[in-house]
Amino acid sequence: MPLQGGSCFYQLQGLKPHTWYEVKISYPASIPASFSIQLKRNKSDVMLKNNRRLLNTEKLIFKNNNQEEFQLVLVTVEPEGFPAKQHVPERQFIIYNIVCDELLFGLPHQAWWVVALAVLGLGIAFIVPSFLPLYLLPKNQVPMANDHVSKTS
């Protein structure tokens, strides 16, 4: 796509009805650019631009309410900032990836294994210390047998 004022429509196919999706863009940081994403029903109307800025890219979260299995996404790019190499002419085109993930409770399906590992790790961190022998506990946490004995002289 041309870096200066480039825009392109992408058709998201195979979308399930009544399902939440997230569309985001990744691109090399060596090419300073600002991306904009808009969800459209056809090439002339704007349906949704309720997006979140993430650094200098956008992240679009939407729910596919209709029975159609596709939506259109308009991606627009503008140059931003300064190039990494000062005396090299600016690039004319930019390479990027556009990703559409299905969401479950606000998280992409691929991220749920991280949540499961975090819950498992927290469970182990709270349960395992109760099975450890007392000599493995720090010195200030070992209960002393003679704490209740007083010496009177």
C-alpha atoms as a PDB file:
ATOM      1  CA  MET A   1       0.000   0.000   0.000  1.00  0.00           C
ATOM      2  CA  PRO A   2       1.335   3.500  -0.716  1.00  0.00           C
ATOM      3  CA  LEU A   3       2.620   5.163   2.445  1.00  0.00           C
ATOM      4  CA  GLN A   4       1.414   8.646   1.472  1.00  0.00           C
ATOM      5  CA  GLY A   5      -2.403   8.675   1.709  1.00  0.00           C
ATOM      6  CA  GLY A   6      -2.838   4.982   1.008  1.00  0.00           C
ATOM      7  CA  SER A   7      -6.126   3.254   1.717  1.00  0.00           C
ATOM      8  CA  CYS A   8      -7.493  -0.182   0.970  1.00  0.00           C
ATOM      9  CA  PHE A   9     -10.683  -2.159   1.575  1.00  0.00           C
ATOM     10  CA  TYR A  10     -10.501  -5.669   3.017  1.00  0.00           C
ATOM     11  CA  GLN A  11     -13.397  -8.089   3.125  1.00  0.00           C
ATOM     12  CA  LEU A  12     -13.630 -10.105   6.336  1.00  0.00           C
ATOM     13  CA  GLN A  13     -15.134 -13.450   5.362  1.00  0.00           C
ATOM     14  CA  GLY A  14     -16.475 -16.341   7.408  1.00  0.00           C
ATOM     15  CA  LEU A  15     -17.703 -14.222  10.330  1.00  0.00           C
ATOM     16  CA  LYS A  16     -20.174 -15.901  12.671  1.00  0.00           C
ATOM     17  CA  PRO A  17     -23.357 -13.996  13.567  1.00  0.00           C
ATOM     18  CA  HIS A  18     -23.665 -12.574  17.106  1.00  0.00           C
ATOM     19  CA  THR A  19     -19.921 -12.979  17.742  1.00  0.00           C
ATOM     20  CA  TRP A  20     -17.384 -10.384  18.909  1.00  0.00           C
ATOM     21  CA  TYR A  21     -14.285  -9.759  16.789  1.00  0.00           C
ATOM     22  CA  GLU A  22     -11.120  -7.679  17.062  1.00  0.00           C
ATOM     23  CA  VAL A  23      -9.316  -6.233  14.037  1.00  0.00           C
ATOM     24  CA  LYS A  24      -5.781  -4.915  14.472  1.00  0.00           C
ATOM     25  CA  ILE A  25      -2.728  -4.101  12.382  1.00  0.00           C
ATOM     26  CA  SER A  26       0.931  -4.903  12.872  1.00  0.00           C
ATOM     27  CA  TYR A  27       3.729  -3.338  10.852  1.00  0.00           C
ATOM     28  CA  PRO A  28       7.490  -2.781  11.111  1.00  0.00           C
ATOM     29  CA  ALA A  29       8.365   0.070  13.466  1.00  0.00           C
ATOM     30  CA  SER A  30      11.239   1.103  11.196  1.00  0.00           C
ATOM     31  CA  ILE A  31       8.647   2.755   8.928  1.00  0.00           C
ATOM     32  CA  PRO A  32       6.904   5.489  10.981  1.00  0.00           C
ATOM     33  CA  ALA A  33       3.233   5.521  10.037  1.00  0.00           C
ATOM     34  CA  SER A  34      -0.208   6.069  11.526  1.00  0.00           C
ATOM     35  CA  PHE A  35      -2.996   3.636  10.645  1.00  0.00           C
ATOM     36  CA  SER A  36      -6.751   4.137  10.799  1.00  0.00           C
ATOM     37  CA  ILE A  37      -9.315   1.309  10.686  1.00  0.00           C
ATOM     38  CA  GLN A  38     -13.022   1.715   9.907  1.00  0.00           C
ATOM     39  CA  LEU A  39     -15.714  -0.949   9.701  1.00  0.00           C
ATOM     40  CA  LYS A  40     -18.116  -0.535   6.752  1.00  0.00           C
ATOM     41  CA  ARG A  41     -21.106  -2.351   5.285  1.00  0.00           C
ATOM     42  CA  ASN A  42     -20.314  -1.182   1.760  1.00  0.00           C
ATOM     43  CA  LYS A  43     -17.647   1.018   0.232  1.00  0.00           C
ATOM     44  CA  SER A  44     -19.617   4.261   0.684  1.00  0.00           C
ATOM     45  CA  ASP A  45     -20.862   4.343   4.289  1.00  0.00           C
ATOM     46  CA  VAL A  46     -19.113   4.440   7.640  1.00  0.00           C
ATOM     47  CA  MET A  47     -20.570   1.918  10.064  1.00  0.00           C
ATOM     48  CA  LEU A  48     -18.205   1.993  13.022  1.00  0.00           C
ATOM     49  CA  LYS A  49     -15.146   3.916  14.042  1.00  0.00           C
ATOM     50  CA  ASN A  50     -15.273   3.083  17.739  1.00  0.00           C
ATOM     51  CA  ASN A  51     -11.642   2.179  18.067  1.00  0.00           C
ATOM     52  CA  ARG A  52      -8.882   2.341  20.618  1.00  0.00           C
ATOM     53  CA  ARG A  53      -5.507   3.920  19.943  1.00  0.00           C
ATOM     54  CA  LEU A  54      -2.690   1.532  20.764  1.00  0.00           C
ATOM     55  CA  LEU A  55       0.584   3.424  20.352  1.00  0.00           C
ATOM     56  CA  ASN A  56       0.115   4.766  16.823  1.00  0.00           C
ATOM     57  CA  THR A  57      -2.157   2.033  15.484  1.00  0.00           C
ATOM     58  CA  GLU A  58      -5.781   1.289  16.112  1.00  0.00           C
ATOM     59  CA  LYS A  59      -7.638  -1.694  17.404  1.00  0.00           C
ATOM     60  CA  LEU A  60     -11.246  -2.163  16.347  1.00  0.00           C
ATOM     61  CA  ILE A  61     -13.633  -4.335  18.386  1.00  0.00           C
ATOM     62  CA  PHE A  62     -17.072  -5.072  16.950  1.00  0.00           C
ATOM     63  CA  LYS A  63     -19.947  -7.538  17.160  1.00  0.00           C
ATOM     64  CA  ASN A  64     -21.256  -9.113  13.970  1.00  0.00           C
ATOM     65  CA  ASN A  65     -25.004  -8.666  14.567  1.00  0.00           C
ATOM     66  CA  ASN A  66     -26.271  -9.428  11.099  1.00  0.00           C
ATOM     67  CA  GLN A  67     -26.540 -12.751   9.310  1.00  0.00           C
ATOM     68  CA  GLU A  68     -24.012 -11.747   6.650  1.00  0.00           C
ATOM     69  CA  GLU A  69     -20.786 -13.677   6.827  1.00  0.00           C
ATOM     70  CA  PHE A  70     -18.622 -10.737   5.786  1.00  0.00           C
ATOM     71  CA  GLN A  71     -17.827  -7.139   6.648  1.00  0.00           C
ATOM     72  CA  LEU A  72     -15.605  -4.544   4.997  1.00  0.00           C
ATOM     73  CA  VAL A  73     -12.679  -2.914   6.774  1.00  0.00           C
ATOM     74  CA  LEU A  74     -11.125   0.278   5.413  1.00  0.00           C
ATOM     75  CA  VAL A  75      -7.444   0.639   6.304  1.00  0.00           C
ATOM     76  CA  THR A  76      -5.874   4.076   5.825  1.00  0.00           C
ATOM     77  CA  VAL A  77      -2.219   4.962   6.389  1.00  0.00           C
ATOM     78  CA  GLU A  78      -0.348   8.255   6.681  1.00  0.00           C
ATOM     79  CA  PRO A  79       3.370   8.838   7.269  1.00  0.00           C
ATOM     80  CA  GLU A  80       4.246   9.986  10.766  1.00  0.00           C
ATOM     81  CA  GLY A  81       7.376  11.072  12.601  1.00  0.00           C
ATOM     82  CA  PHE A  82      10.872  10.848  11.200  1.00  0.00           C
ATOM     83  CA  PRO A  83      12.462   7.980   9.289  1.00  0.00           C
ATOM     84  CA  ALA A  84      14.988   5.840  11.157  1.00  0.00           C
ATOM     85  CA  LYS A  85      17.769   6.626   8.680  1.00  0.00           C
ATOM     86  CA  GLN A  86      18.043  10.363   8.073  1.00  0.00           C
ATOM     87  CA  HIS A  87      19.906  10.452   4.737  1.00  0.00           C
ATOM     88  CA  VAL A  88      17.975   7.644   3.067  1.00  0.00           C
ATOM     89  CA  PRO A  89      14.943   8.565   0.945  1.00  0.00           C
ATOM     90  CA  GLU A  90      11.606   7.694   2.526  1.00  0.00           C
ATOM     91  CA  ARG A  91       9.887   4.501   1.465  1.00  0.00           C
ATOM     92  CA  GLN A  92       7.011   4.797  -0.942  1.00  0.00           C
ATOM     93  CA  PHE A  93       5.141   1.699   0.258  1.00  0.00           C
ATOM     94  CA  ILE A  94       4.449   0.081   3.618  1.00  0.00           C
ATOM     95  CA  ILE A  95       4.129  -3.598   4.475  1.00  0.00           C
ATOM     96  CA  TYR A  96       1.682  -4.598   7.220  1.00  0.00           C
ATOM     97  CA  ASN A  97      -0.468  -7.442   8.488  1.00  0.00           C
ATOM     98  CA  ILE A  98      -4.151  -7.158   9.329  1.00  0.00           C
ATOM     99  CA  VAL A  99      -5.528  -9.641  11.869  1.00  0.00           C
ATOM    100  CA  CYS A 100      -9.143 -10.463  12.720  1.00  0.00           C
ATOM    101  CA  ASP A 101      -9.512 -12.527  15.916  1.00  0.00           C
ATOM    102  CA  GLU A 102     -12.692 -13.960  17.406  1.00  0.00           C
ATOM    103  CA  LEU A 103     -13.132 -12.841  21.025  1.00  0.00           C
ATOM    104  CA  LEU A 104     -14.363 -14.832  23.995  1.00  0.00           C
ATOM    105  CA  PHE A 105     -15.110 -12.685  27.090  1.00  0.00           C
ATOM    106  CA  GLY A 106     -13.077  -9.866  25.551  1.00  0.00           C
ATOM    107  CA  LEU A 107      -9.936 -11.947  24.907  1.00  0.00           C
ATOM    108  CA  PRO A 108      -8.804 -13.581  21.655  1.00  0.00           C
ATOM    109  CA  HIS A 109      -9.111 -17.370  21.608  1.00  0.00           C
ATOM    110  CA  GLN A 110      -5.324 -17.728  21.309  1.00  0.00           C
ATOM    111  CA  ALA A 111      -4.809 -15.834  24.604  1.00  0.00           C
ATOM    112  CA  TRP A 112      -6.854 -18.170  26.801  1.00  0.00           C
ATOM    113  CA  TRP A 113      -3.987 -20.624  27.324  1.00  0.00           C
ATOM    114  CA  VAL A 114      -2.037 -17.756  28.948  1.00  0.00           C
ATOM    115  CA  VAL A 115      -4.958 -17.134  31.323  1.00  0.00           C
ATOM    116  CA  ALA A 116      -5.116 -20.857  32.155  1.00  0.00           C
ATOM    117  CA  LEU A 117      -1.371 -20.984  32.882  1.00  0.00           C
ATOM    118  CA  ALA A 118      -1.596 -17.869  35.082  1.00  0.00           C
ATOM    119  CA  VAL A 119      -4.465 -19.354  37.129  1.00  0.00           C
ATOM    120  CA  LEU A 120      -2.568 -22.645  37.434  1.00  0.00           C
ATOM    121  CA  GLY A 121       0.581 -20.814  38.554  1.00  0.00           C
ATOM    122  CA  LEU A 122      -1.322 -18.804  41.168  1.00  0.00           C
ATOM    123  CA  GLY A 123      -3.017 -21.954  42.431  1.00  0.00           C
ATOM    124  CA  ILE A 124       0.319 -23.719  42.808  1.00  0.00           C
ATOM    125  CA  ALA A 125       1.825 -20.670  44.527  1.00  0.00           C
ATOM    126  CA  PHE A 126      -0.918 -20.691  47.188  1.00  0.00           C
ATOM    127  CA  ILE A 127      -1.329 -24.447  47.686  1.00  0.00           C
ATOM    128  CA  VAL A 128       2.247 -25.793  47.632  1.00  0.00           C
ATOM    129  CA  PRO A 129       3.538 -23.851  50.698  1.00  0.00           C
ATOM    130  CA  SER A 130       0.995 -25.599  52.938  1.00  0.00           C
ATOM    131  CA  PHE A 131       2.577 -28.976  52.104  1.00  0.00           C
ATOM    132  CA  LEU A 132       6.191 -27.915  52.693  1.00  0.00           C
ATOM    133  CA  PRO A 133       8.024 -29.027  55.863  1.00  0.00           C
ATOM    134  CA  LEU A 134       8.551 -26.340  58.499  1.00  0.00           C
ATOM    135  CA  TYR A 135      12.337 -26.219  58.109  1.00  0.00           C
ATOM    136  CA  LEU A 136      11.879 -24.871  54.549  1.00  0.00           C
ATOM    137  CA  LEU A 137       9.935 -21.841  55.801  1.00  0.00           C
ATOM    138  CA  PRO A 138      11.848 -18.638  56.588  1.00  0.00           C
ATOM    139  CA  LYS A 139      13.161 -18.434  60.187  1.00  0.00           C
ATOM    140  CA  ASN A 140      10.741 -15.713  61.309  1.00  0.00           C
ATOM    141  CA  GLN A 141       7.714 -17.814  60.255  1.00  0.00           C
ATOM    142  CA  VAL A 142       8.599 -21.066  62.074  1.00  0.00           C
ATOM    143  CA  PRO A 143       6.393 -21.422  65.165  1.00  0.00           C
ATOM    144  CA  MET A 144       8.502 -21.965  68.277  1.00  0.00           C
ATOM    145  CA  ALA A 145       7.385 -24.580  70.811  1.00  0.00           C
ATOM    146  CA  ASN A 146       8.452 -22.495  73.833  1.00  0.00           C
ATOM    147  CA  ASP A 147       6.721 -19.232  72.887  1.00  0.00           C
ATOM    148  CA  HIS A 148       4.291 -19.538  75.789  1.00  0.00           C
ATOM    149  CA  VAL A 149       6.875 -20.359  78.472  1.00  0.00           C
ATOM    150  CA  SER A 150       7.783 -17.544  80.820  1.00  0.00           C
ATOM    151  CA  LYS A 151      10.748 -17.490  83.122  1.00  0.00           C
ATOM    152  CA  THR A 152      10.219 -16.036  86.557  1.00  0.00           C
ATOM    153  CA  SER A 153      13.221 -15.453  88.740  1.00  0.00           C
END
